[in-house]
Protein backbone atom coordinates (compact mmCIF):
# COMPACT_ATOMS: atom_id res chain seq x y z
CA MET A 1 71.88 69.53 77.58
CA ARG A 2 74.29 66.75 76.80
CA ARG A 3 73.09 63.20 77.37
CA THR A 4 75.62 62.63 80.19
CA SER A 5 74.48 65.82 81.92
CA ALA A 6 70.84 64.78 81.57
CA VAL A 7 71.54 61.40 83.14
CA ASN A 8 73.45 63.06 85.98
CA PHE A 9 70.58 65.50 86.50
CA LEU A 10 68.10 62.64 86.72
CA LEU A 11 70.30 60.62 89.07
CA ALA A 12 70.63 63.65 91.40
CA ARG A 13 66.90 64.11 91.42
CA ARG A 14 66.47 60.38 92.16
CA ARG A 15 68.97 60.66 95.02
CA MET A 16 67.04 63.58 96.48
CA CYS A 17 63.82 61.54 96.45
CA LEU A 18 65.54 58.58 98.07
CA ASP A 19 66.90 60.80 100.80
CA LYS A 20 63.43 62.19 101.48
CA ILE A 21 62.00 58.65 101.61
CA ALA A 22 64.70 57.65 104.09
CA ALA A 23 63.91 60.67 106.30
CA ALA A 24 60.13 60.11 106.23
CA THR A 25 58.44 58.52 109.19
CA SER A 26 55.78 56.79 107.12
CA ASP A 27 55.61 55.19 103.67
CA ASP A 28 55.70 57.80 100.94
CA VAL A 29 54.09 55.99 98.03
CA GLN A 30 54.13 59.08 95.81
CA ARG A 31 57.91 59.51 96.20
CA GLN A 32 58.48 55.79 95.64
CA ARG A 33 56.57 56.04 92.38
CA GLU A 34 58.59 59.07 91.41
CA VAL A 35 61.80 57.14 92.07
CA GLU A 36 60.56 54.30 89.85
CA PHE A 37 59.66 56.79 87.12
CA LEU A 38 63.09 58.49 87.35
CA GLU A 39 64.86 55.13 87.20
CA ARG A 40 63.01 54.25 83.98
CA LEU A 41 63.67 57.71 82.59
CA VAL A 42 67.40 57.35 83.31
CA LEU A 43 67.47 54.07 81.41
CA ASP A 44 65.59 55.56 78.46
CA VAL A 45 67.81 58.63 78.28
CA ARG A 46 70.99 56.61 78.67
CA ALA A 47 69.92 54.20 75.90
CA GLY A 48 69.10 57.06 73.54
CA ARG A 49 65.40 56.30 73.32
CA LEU A 50 64.52 59.85 74.38
CA SER A 51 65.76 63.19 73.11
CA THR A 52 63.46 65.35 75.23
CA PHE A 53 61.69 64.99 78.58
CA GLU A 54 59.74 67.20 80.93
CA LEU A 55 59.32 66.98 84.70
CA THR A 56 56.52 68.91 86.39
CA HIS A 57 56.72 67.76 89.97
CA ALA A 58 58.31 70.11 92.51
CA LYS A 59 60.30 72.30 90.11
CA ALA A 60 59.14 72.16 86.49
CA VAL A 61 61.89 71.59 83.92
CA ALA A 62 62.00 70.73 80.23
CA VAL A 63 65.19 69.15 78.88
CA VAL A 64 66.30 68.80 75.27
CA ILE A 65 69.15 66.35 74.84
CA THR A 66 71.95 66.93 72.39
CA ASP A 67 74.51 64.29 71.54
């Protein structure tokens, strides 16, 4: 996956988590932590510090980044 596509993928996943947090009636600490993790991952991918990553929550996915 290209770096730009990987960042877009992560941002979409982050947006989905934020939408679920907004719809929740109580604090969802696990989703808030996931959002924080995704934000850090976006920064690392965007900066080129990572060339692969794997997410296992909800739907498992492994991404290899090509430049």
